[in-house]
Amino acid sequence: MAEKSGFGILEVFGIGLFILVVSVIGIAADFLFDLKLDMDGLLLISVCLLMALVSAAMLFFLAKAQGWLGKGKSATPTAPAAGGTPATAQK
């Protein structure tokens, strides 16, 4: 039996959003302090981009699973219309 975590969906969404915002601030700071061509600047850009990508993907899939974006998974699958298919009509 799986244990229930103490975090709800909104808390997880908030943490992901916080990580995304901090990553964007890190990228802006890199250009603000003109570190973009140093080894430290390249490392900062790559780490911030990686964290932004991971957290944005997590937020996207979380929102998609919750039905906040587009069509979510429906609980009841659509059944074919009564009346049969051409294969059953020939029998």
PDB file of N, CA and C in Angstrom:
ATOM      1  N   MET A   1       0.847  -1.175   0.000  1.00  0.00           N
ATOM      2  CA  MET A   1       0.000   0.000   0.000  1.00  0.00           C
ATOM      3  C   MET A   1       0.894   1.240   0.000  1.00  0.00           C
ATOM      4  N   ALA A   2       0.608   2.142  -0.889  1.00  0.00           N
ATOM      5  CA  ALA A   2       1.417   3.356  -1.002  1.00  0.00           C
ATOM      6  C   ALA A   2       1.018   4.354   0.084  1.00  0.00           C
ATOM      7  N   GLU A   3       2.014   5.017   0.610  1.00  0.00           N
ATOM      8  CA  GLU A   3       1.744   6.026   1.630  1.00  0.00           C
ATOM      9  C   GLU A   3       1.359   7.335   0.966  1.00  0.00           C
ATOM     10  N   LYS A   4       0.444   8.033   1.597  1.00  0.00           N
ATOM     11  CA  LYS A   4       0.017   9.328   1.074  1.00  0.00           C
ATOM     12  C   LYS A   4       1.033  10.385   1.500  1.00  0.00           C
ATOM     13  N   SER A   5       1.486  11.181   0.528  1.00  0.00           N
ATOM     14  CA  SER A   5       2.441  12.236   0.855  1.00  0.00           C
ATOM     15  C   SER A   5       1.697  13.415   1.479  1.00  0.00           C
ATOM     16  N   GLY A   6       2.440  14.275   2.137  1.00  0.00           N
ATOM     17  CA  GLY A   6       1.833  15.423   2.790  1.00  0.00           C
ATOM     18  C   GLY A   6       1.558  16.584   1.856  1.00  0.00           C
ATOM     19  N   PHE A   7       1.979  16.485   0.602  1.00  0.00           N
ATOM     20  CA  PHE A   7       1.808  17.574  -0.347  1.00  0.00           C
ATOM     21  C   PHE A   7       0.596  17.326  -1.237  1.00  0.00           C
ATOM     22  N   GLY A   8      -0.168  18.380  -1.461  1.00  0.00           N
ATOM     23  CA  GLY A   8      -1.271  18.324  -2.409  1.00  0.00           C
ATOM     24  C   GLY A   8      -0.798  18.803  -3.772  1.00  0.00           C
ATOM     25  N   ILE A   9      -1.716  18.814  -4.709  1.00  0.00           N
ATOM     26  CA  ILE A   9      -1.379  19.206  -6.076  1.00  0.00           C
ATOM     27  C   ILE A   9      -0.943  20.668  -6.140  1.00  0.00           C
ATOM     28  N   LEU A  10      -1.624  21.537  -5.431  1.00  0.00           N
ATOM     29  CA  LEU A  10      -1.267  22.961  -5.487  1.00  0.00           C
ATOM     30  C   LEU A  10       0.100  23.234  -4.866  1.00  0.00           C
ATOM     31  N   GLU A  11       0.462  22.486  -3.831  1.00  0.00           N
ATOM     32  CA  GLU A  11       1.791  22.671  -3.236  1.00  0.00           C
ATOM     33  C   GLU A  11       2.887  22.232  -4.193  1.00  0.00           C
ATOM     34  N   VAL A  12       2.685  21.100  -4.865  1.00  0.00           N
ATOM     35  CA  VAL A  12       3.665  20.626  -5.849  1.00  0.00           C
ATOM     36  C   VAL A  12       3.761  21.610  -7.013  1.00  0.00           C
ATOM     37  N   PHE A  13       2.617  22.128  -7.452  1.00  0.00           N
ATOM     38  CA  PHE A  13       2.601  23.120  -8.525  1.00  0.00           C
ATOM     39  C   PHE A  13       3.343  24.388  -8.090  1.00  0.00           C
ATOM     40  N   GLY A  14       3.153  24.808  -6.842  1.00  0.00           N
ATOM     41  CA  GLY A  14       3.841  25.990  -6.323  1.00  0.00           C
ATOM     42  C   GLY A  14       5.349  25.804  -6.250  1.00  0.00           C
ATOM     43  N   ILE A  15       5.788  24.617  -5.828  1.00  0.00           N
ATOM     44  CA  ILE A  15       7.225  24.339  -5.763  1.00  0.00           C
ATOM     45  C   ILE A  15       7.834  24.368  -7.163  1.00  0.00           C
ATOM     46  N   GLY A  16       7.164  23.756  -8.120  1.00  0.00           N
ATOM     47  CA  GLY A  16       7.665  23.761  -9.501  1.00  0.00           C
ATOM     48  C   GLY A  16       7.715  25.154 -10.085  1.00  0.00           C
ATOM     49  N   LEU A  17       6.698  25.949  -9.786  1.00  0.00           N
ATOM     50  CA  LEU A  17       6.669  27.336 -10.260  1.00  0.00           C
ATOM     51  C   LEU A  17       7.783  28.156  -9.624  1.00  0.00           C
ATOM     52  N   PHE A  18       8.049  27.917  -8.333  1.00  0.00           N
ATOM     53  CA  PHE A  18       9.141  28.615  -7.649  1.00  0.00           C
ATOM     54  C   PHE A  18      10.488  28.275  -8.277  1.00  0.00           C
ATOM     55  N   ILE A  19      10.730  27.000  -8.558  1.00  0.00           N
ATOM     56  CA  ILE A  19      11.990  26.581  -9.182  1.00  0.00           C
ATOM     57  C   ILE A  19      12.125  27.199 -10.569  1.00  0.00           C
ATOM     58  N   LEU A  20      11.032  27.269 -11.316  1.00  0.00           N
ATOM     59  CA  LEU A  20      11.064  27.878 -12.641  1.00  0.00           C
ATOM     60  C   LEU A  20      11.404  29.363 -12.562  1.00  0.00           C
ATOM     61  N   VAL A  21      10.810  30.076 -11.628  1.00  0.00           N
ATOM     62  CA  VAL A  21      11.070  31.515 -11.476  1.00  0.00           C
ATOM     63  C   VAL A  21      12.515  31.759 -11.038  1.00  0.00           C
ATOM     64  N   VAL A  22      13.004  30.955 -10.102  1.00  0.00           N
ATOM     65  CA  VAL A  22      14.392  31.122  -9.643  1.00  0.00           C
ATOM     66  C   VAL A  22      15.372  30.829 -10.781  1.00  0.00           C
ATOM     67  N   SER A  23      15.056  29.865 -11.633  1.00  0.00           N
ATOM     68  CA  SER A  23      15.921  29.563 -12.771  1.00  0.00           C
ATOM     69  C   SER A  23      15.968  30.720 -13.763  1.00  0.00           C
ATOM     70  N   VAL A  24      14.833  31.328 -14.025  1.00  0.00           N
ATOM     71  CA  VAL A  24      14.791  32.477 -14.936  1.00  0.00           C
ATOM     72  C   VAL A  24      15.552  33.656 -14.333  1.00  0.00           C
ATOM     73  N   ILE A  25      15.426  33.854 -13.021  1.00  0.00           N
ATOM     74  CA  ILE A  25      16.192  34.916 -12.354  1.00  0.00           C
ATOM     75  C   ILE A  25      17.690  34.646 -12.460  1.00  0.00           C
ATOM     76  N   GLY A  26      18.093  33.377 -12.349  1.00  0.00           N
ATOM     77  CA  GLY A  26      19.508  33.016 -12.490  1.00  0.00           C
ATOM     78  C   GLY A  26      20.038  33.316 -13.878  1.00  0.00           C
ATOM     79  N   ILE A  27      19.247  33.036 -14.895  1.00  0.00           N
ATOM     80  CA  ILE A  27      19.665  33.335 -16.266  1.00  0.00           C
ATOM     81  C   ILE A  27      19.769  34.844 -16.472  1.00  0.00           C
ATOM     82  N   ALA A  28      18.804  35.594 -15.929  1.00  0.00           N
ATOM     83  CA  ALA A  28      18.853  37.057 -16.041  1.00  0.00           C
ATOM     84  C   ALA A  28      20.062  37.625 -15.311  1.00  0.00           C
ATOM     85  N   ALA A  29      20.385  37.062 -14.148  1.00  0.00           N
ATOM     86  CA  ALA A  29      21.548  37.534 -13.387  1.00  0.00           C
ATOM     87  C   ALA A  29      22.845  37.254 -14.136  1.00  0.00           C
ATOM     88  N   ASP A  30      22.872  36.143 -14.854  1.00  0.00           N
ATOM     89  CA  ASP A  30      24.057  35.807 -15.637  1.00  0.00           C
ATOM     90  C   ASP A  30      24.334  36.871 -16.687  1.00  0.00           C
ATOM     91  N   PHE A  31      23.301  37.325 -17.377  1.00  0.00           N
ATOM     92  CA  PHE A  31      23.490  38.367 -18.382  1.00  0.00           C
ATOM     93  C   PHE A  31      23.672  39.748 -17.751  1.00  0.00           C
ATOM     94  N   LEU A  32      23.051  39.955 -16.589  1.00  0.00           N
ATOM     95  CA  LEU A  32      23.160  41.244 -15.911  1.00  0.00           C
ATOM     96  C   LEU A  32      24.586  41.491 -15.420  1.00  0.00           C
ATOM     97  N   PHE A  33      25.219  40.453 -14.881  1.00  0.00           N
ATOM     98  CA  PHE A  33      26.581  40.596 -14.365  1.00  0.00           C
ATOM     99  C   PHE A  33      27.637  40.235 -15.400  1.00  0.00           C
ATOM    100  N   ASP A  34      27.219  40.036 -16.658  1.00  0.00           N
ATOM    101  CA  ASP A  34      28.116  39.801 -17.790  1.00  0.00           C
ATOM    102  C   ASP A  34      29.052  38.612 -17.561  1.00  0.00           C
ATOM    103  N   LEU A  35      28.462  37.493 -17.122  1.00  0.00           N
ATOM    104  CA  LEU A  35      29.235  36.268 -16.914  1.00  0.00           C
ATOM    105  C   LEU A  35      29.070  35.284 -18.064  1.00  0.00           C
ATOM    106  N   LYS A  36      28.351  35.658 -19.090  1.00  0.00           N
ATOM    107  CA  LYS A  36      27.951  34.709 -20.119  1.00  0.00           C
ATOM    108  C   LYS A  36      29.105  34.058 -20.872  1.00  0.00           C
ATOM    109  N   LEU A  37      30.258  34.660 -20.940  1.00  0.00           N
ATOM    110  CA  LEU A  37      31.376  34.075 -21.667  1.00  0.00           C
ATOM    111  C   LEU A  37      32.417  33.434 -20.755  1.00  0.00           C
ATOM    112  N   ASP A  38      32.255  33.564 -19.462  1.00  0.00           N
ATOM    113  CA  ASP A  38      33.162  32.905 -18.522  1.00  0.00           C
ATOM    114  C   ASP A  38      32.714  31.468 -18.310  1.00  0.00           C
ATOM    115  N   MET A  39      33.592  30.678 -17.727  1.00  0.00           N
ATOM    116  CA  MET A  39      33.220  29.305 -17.403  1.00  0.00           C
ATOM    117  C   MET A  39      32.109  29.276 -16.355  1.00  0.00           C
ATOM    118  N   ASP A  40      32.163  30.199 -15.395  1.00  0.00           N
ATOM    119  CA  ASP A  40      31.107  30.274 -14.384  1.00  0.00           C
ATOM    120  C   ASP A  40      29.770  30.644 -15.015  1.00  0.00           C
ATOM    121  N   GLY A  41      29.788  31.548 -15.956  1.00  0.00           N
ATOM    122  CA  GLY A  41      28.561  31.963 -16.616  1.00  0.00           C
ATOM    123  C   GLY A  41      27.946  30.856 -17.446  1.00  0.00           C
ATOM    124  N   LEU A  42      28.791  30.122 -18.172  1.00  0.00           N
ATOM    125  CA  LEU A  42      28.280  29.007 -18.964  1.00  0.00           C
ATOM    126  C   LEU A  42      27.686  27.918 -18.078  1.00  0.00           C
ATOM    127  N   LEU A  43      28.335  27.658 -16.956  1.00  0.00           N
ATOM    128  CA  LEU A  43      27.813  26.670 -16.016  1.00  0.00           C
ATOM    129  C   LEU A  43      26.498  27.136 -15.410  1.00  0.00           C
ATOM    130  N   LEU A  44      26.426  28.420 -15.059  1.00  0.00           N
ATOM    131  CA  LEU A  44      25.186  28.965 -14.501  1.00  0.00           C
ATOM    132  C   LEU A  44      24.048  28.896 -15.505  1.00  0.00           C
ATOM    133  N   ILE A  45      24.330  29.234 -16.754  1.00  0.00           N
ATOM    134  CA  ILE A  45      23.298  29.166 -17.789  1.00  0.00           C
ATOM    135  C   ILE A  45      22.831  27.731 -17.983  1.00  0.00           C
ATOM    136  N   SER A  46      23.769  26.789 -18.057  1.00  0.00           N
ATOM    137  CA  SER A  46      23.371  25.404 -18.305  1.00  0.00           C
ATOM    138  C   SER A  46      22.573  24.816 -17.146  1.00  0.00           C
ATOM    139  N   VAL A  47      22.962  25.115 -15.915  1.00  0.00           N
ATOM    140  CA  VAL A  47      22.220  24.607 -14.759  1.00  0.00           C
ATOM    141  C   VAL A  47      20.837  25.246 -14.676  1.00  0.00           C
ATOM    142  N   CYS A  48      20.756  26.539 -14.923  1.00  0.00           N
ATOM    143  CA  CYS A  48      19.458  27.215 -14.880  1.00  0.00           C
ATOM    144  C   CYS A  48      18.537  26.728 -15.987  1.00  0.00           C
ATOM    145  N   LEU A  49      19.070  26.515 -17.175  1.00  0.00           N
ATOM    146  CA  LEU A  49      18.251  25.996 -18.262  1.00  0.00           C
ATOM    147  C   LEU A  49      17.774  24.575 -17.974  1.00  0.00           C
ATOM    148  N   LEU A  50      18.648  23.763 -17.397  1.00  0.00           N
ATOM    149  CA  LEU A  50      18.255  22.407 -17.048  1.00  0.00           C
ATOM    150  C   LEU A  50      17.147  22.400 -15.998  1.00  0.00           C
ATOM    151  N   MET A  51      17.292  23.210 -14.958  1.00  0.00           N
ATOM    152  CA  MET A  51      16.267  23.278 -13.913  1.00  0.00           C
ATOM    153  C   MET A  51      14.964  23.851 -14.459  1.00  0.00           C
ATOM    154  N   ALA A  52      15.053  24.848 -15.341  1.00  0.00           N
ATOM    155  CA  ALA A  52      13.848  25.423 -15.939  1.00  0.00           C
ATOM    156  C   ALA A  52      13.147  24.404 -16.823  1.00  0.00           C
ATOM    157  N   LEU A  53      13.901  23.634 -17.589  1.00  0.00           N
ATOM    158  CA  LEU A  53      13.318  22.631 -18.461  1.00  0.00           C
ATOM    159  C   LEU A  53      12.637  21.524 -17.662  1.00  0.00           C
ATOM    160  N   VAL A  54      13.295  21.048 -16.631  1.00  0.00           N
ATOM    161  CA  VAL A  54      12.729  19.973 -15.816  1.00  0.00           C
ATOM    162  C   VAL A  54      11.471  20.444 -15.094  1.00  0.00           C
ATOM    163  N   SER A  55      11.518  21.625 -14.502  1.00  0.00           N
ATOM    164  CA  SER A  55      10.350  22.101 -13.764  1.00  0.00           C
ATOM    165  C   SER A  55       9.209  22.480 -14.711  1.00  0.00           C
ATOM    166  N   ALA A  56       9.509  23.018 -15.891  1.00  0.00           N
ATOM    167  CA  ALA A  56       8.451  23.342 -16.853  1.00  0.00           C
ATOM    168  C   ALA A  56       7.789  22.068 -17.373  1.00  0.00           C
ATOM    169  N   ALA A  57       8.581  21.026 -17.622  1.00  0.00           N
ATOM    170  CA  ALA A  57       8.004  19.755 -18.059  1.00  0.00           C
ATOM    171  C   ALA A  57       7.139  19.154 -16.963  1.00  0.00           C
ATOM    172  N   MET A  58       7.602  19.230 -15.720  1.00  0.00           N
ATOM    173  CA  MET A  58       6.817  18.710 -14.611  1.00  0.00           C
ATOM    174  C   MET A  58       5.509  19.475 -14.462  1.00  0.00           C
ATOM    175  N   LEU A  59       5.554  20.790 -14.567  1.00  0.00           N
ATOM    176  CA  LEU A  59       4.342  21.598 -14.471  1.00  0.00           C
ATOM    177  C   LEU A  59       3.381  21.298 -15.621  1.00  0.00           C
ATOM    178  N   PHE A  60       3.912  21.107 -16.816  1.00  0.00           N
ATOM    179  CA  PHE A  60       3.067  20.818 -17.972  1.00  0.00           C
ATOM    180  C   PHE A  60       2.346  19.486 -17.791  1.00  0.00           C
ATOM    181  N   PHE A  61       3.079  18.435 -17.422  1.00  0.00           N
ATOM    182  CA  PHE A  61       2.459  17.125 -17.272  1.00  0.00           C
ATOM    183  C   PHE A  61       1.521  17.069 -16.069  1.00  0.00           C
ATOM    184  N   LEU A  62       1.840  17.811 -15.029  1.00  0.00           N
ATOM    185  CA  LEU A  62       0.949  17.888 -13.875  1.00  0.00           C
ATOM    186  C   LEU A  62      -0.359  18.579 -14.246  1.00  0.00           C
ATOM    187  N   ALA A  63      -0.264  19.684 -14.970  1.00  0.00           N
ATOM    188  CA  ALA A  63      -1.465  20.406 -15.398  1.00  0.00           C
ATOM    189  C   ALA A  63      -2.272  19.586 -16.391  1.00  0.00           C
ATOM    190  N   LYS A  64      -1.600  18.847 -17.258  1.00  0.00           N
ATOM    191  CA  LYS A  64      -2.292  17.998 -18.224  1.00  0.00           C
ATOM    192  C   LYS A  64      -3.020  16.856 -17.514  1.00  0.00           C
ATOM    193  N   ALA A  65      -2.391  16.253 -16.503  1.00  0.00           N
ATOM    194  CA  ALA A  65      -3.011  15.152 -15.771  1.00  0.00           C
ATOM    195  C   ALA A  65      -4.201  15.625 -14.938  1.00  0.00           C
ATOM    196  N   GLN A  66      -4.147  16.861 -14.452  1.00  0.00           N
ATOM    197  CA  GLN A  66      -5.239  17.399 -13.652  1.00  0.00           C
ATOM    198  C   GLN A  66      -6.382  17.930 -14.512  1.00  0.00           C
ATOM    199  N   GLY A  67      -6.174  18.002 -15.817  1.00  0.00           N
ATOM    200  CA  GLY A  67      -7.221  18.482 -16.719  1.00  0.00           C
ATOM    201  C   GLY A  67      -7.258  19.987 -16.841  1.00  0.00           C
ATOM    202  N   TRP A  68      -6.204  20.663 -16.410  1.00  0.00           N
ATOM    203  CA  TRP A  68      -6.144  22.117 -16.506  1.00  0.00           C
ATOM    204  C   TRP A  68      -5.809  22.557 -17.918  1.00  0.00           C
ATOM    205  N   LEU A  69      -5.198  21.700 -18.707  1.00  0.00           N
ATOM    206  CA  LEU A  69      -4.820  22.003 -20.085  1.00  0.00           C
ATOM    207  C   LEU A  69      -5.490  21.012 -21.020  1.00  0.00           C
ATOM    208  N   GLY A  70      -6.133  21.506 -22.032  1.00  0.00           N
ATOM    209  CA  GLY A  70      -6.692  20.647 -23.063  1.00  0.00           C
ATOM    210  C   GLY A  70      -7.657  19.615 -22.523  1.00  0.00           C
ATOM    211  N   LYS A  71      -7.783  18.549 -23.265  1.00  0.00           N
ATOM    212  CA  LYS A  71      -8.642  17.458 -22.836  1.00  0.00           C
ATOM    213  C   LYS A  71      -7.853  16.525 -21.936  1.00  0.00           C
ATOM    214  N   GLY A  72      -8.343  16.328 -20.752  1.00  0.00           N
ATOM    215  CA  GLY A  72      -7.727  15.379 -19.842  1.00  0.00           C
ATOM    216  C   GLY A  72      -8.254  13.986 -20.103  1.00  0.00           C
ATOM    217  N   LYS A  73      -7.777  13.028 -19.340  1.00  0.00           N
ATOM    218  CA  LYS A  73      -8.266  11.673 -19.464  1.00  0.00           C
ATOM    219  C   LYS A  73      -9.666  11.605 -18.882  1.00  0.00           C
ATOM    220  N   SER A  74     -10.599  11.117 -19.659  1.00  0.00           N
ATOM    221  CA  SER A  74     -11.971  11.014 -19.168  1.00  0.00           C
ATOM    222  C   SER A  74     -12.115   9.723 -18.372  1.00  0.00           C
ATOM    223  N   ALA A  75     -12.965   9.766 -17.364  1.00  0.00           N
ATOM    224  CA  ALA A  75     -13.155   8.613 -16.497  1.00  0.00           C
ATOM    225  C   ALA A  75     -13.930   7.510 -17.212  1.00  0.00           C
ATOM    226  N   THR A  76     -14.869   7.875 -18.084  1.00  0.00           N
ATOM    227  CA  THR A  76     -15.656   6.872 -18.797  1.00  0.00           C
ATOM    228  C   THR A  76     -15.285   6.902 -20.269  1.00  0.00           C
ATOM    229  N   PRO A  77     -14.764   5.797 -20.799  1.00  0.00           N
ATOM    230  CA  PRO A  77     -14.438   5.773 -22.222  1.00  0.00           C
ATOM    231  C   PRO A  77     -15.718   5.751 -23.044  1.00  0.00           C
ATOM    232  N   THR A  78     -15.642   6.322 -24.218  1.00  0.00           N
ATOM    233  CA  THR A  78     -16.823   6.375 -25.075  1.00  0.00           C
ATOM    234  C   THR A  78     -17.047   5.003 -25.700  1.00  0.00           C
ATOM    235  N   ALA A  79     -18.257   4.516 -25.614  1.00  0.00           N
ATOM    236  CA  ALA A  79     -18.606   3.213 -26.178  1.00  0.00           C
ATOM    237  C   ALA A  79     -19.059   3.396 -27.626  1.00  0.00           C
ATOM    238  N   PRO A  80     -18.835   2.386 -28.471  1.00  0.00           N
ATOM    239  CA  PRO A  80     -19.312   2.513 -29.848  1.00  0.00           C
ATOM    240  C   PRO A  80     -20.833   2.525 -29.871  1.00  0.00           C
ATOM    241  N   ALA A  81     -21.378   3.163 -30.876  1.00  0.00           N
ATOM    242  CA  ALA A  81     -22.818   3.299 -30.996  1.00  0.00           C
ATOM    243  C   ALA A  81     -23.470   1.935 -31.192  1.00  0.00           C
ATOM    244  N   ALA A  82     -24.646   1.759 -30.591  1.00  0.00           N
ATOM    245  CA  ALA A  82     -25.380   0.506 -30.766  1.00  0.00           C
ATOM    246  C   ALA A  82     -25.867   0.407 -32.202  1.00  0.00           C
ATOM    247  N   GLY A  83     -25.913  -0.757 -32.721  1.00  0.00           N
ATOM    248  CA  GLY A  83     -26.306  -0.923 -34.123  1.00  0.00           C
ATOM    249  C   GLY A  83     -25.269  -1.728 -34.850  1.00  0.00           C
ATOM    250  N   GLY A  84     -24.136  -1.864 -34.239  1.00  0.00           N
ATOM    251  CA  GLY A  84     -23.119  -2.759 -34.781  1.00  0.00           C
ATOM    252  C   GLY A  84     -22.212  -2.120 -35.804  1.00  0.00           C
ATOM    253  N   THR A  85     -21.176  -2.828 -36.071  1.00  0.00           N
ATOM    254  CA  THR A  85     -20.208  -2.419 -37.083  1.00  0.00           C
ATOM    255  C   THR A  85     -20.486  -3.204 -38.345  1.00  0.00           C
ATOM    256  N   PRO A  86     -19.902  -2.863 -39.472  1.00  0.00           N
ATOM    257  CA  PRO A  86     -20.149  -3.611 -40.711  1.00  0.00           C
ATOM    258  C   PRO A  86     -19.797  -5.091 -40.584  1.00  0.00           C
ATOM    259  N   ALA A  87     -18.814  -5.443 -39.751  1.00  0.00           N
ATOM    260  CA  ALA A  87     -18.430  -6.847 -39.612  1.00  0.00           C
ATOM    261  C   ALA A  87     -19.521  -7.630 -38.903  1.00  0.00           C
ATOM    262  N   THR A  88     -20.206  -7.041 -37.931  1.00  0.00           N
ATOM    263  CA  THR A  88     -21.273  -7.753 -37.223  1.00  0.00           C
ATOM    264  C   THR A  88     -22.567  -7.716 -37.995  1.00  0.00           C
ATOM    265  N   ALA A  89     -22.734  -6.777 -38.875  1.00  0.00           N
ATOM    266  CA  ALA A  89     -23.968  -6.672 -39.654  1.00  0.00           C
ATOM    267  C   ALA A  89     -24.046  -7.774 -40.708  1.00  0.00           C
ATOM    268  N   GLN A  90     -22.918  -8.305 -41.165  1.00  0.00           N
ATOM    269  CA  GLN A  90     -22.917  -9.345 -42.198  1.00  0.00           C
ATOM    270  C   GLN A  90     -23.197 -10.718 -41.635  1.00  0.00           C
ATOM    271  N   LYS A  91     -23.063 -10.928 -40.332  1.00  0.00           N
ATOM    272  CA  LYS A  91     -23.286 -12.254 -39.742  1.00  0.00           C
ATOM    273  C   LYS A  91     -24.721 -12.646 -39.678  1.00  0.00           C
TER     274      LYS A  91
END
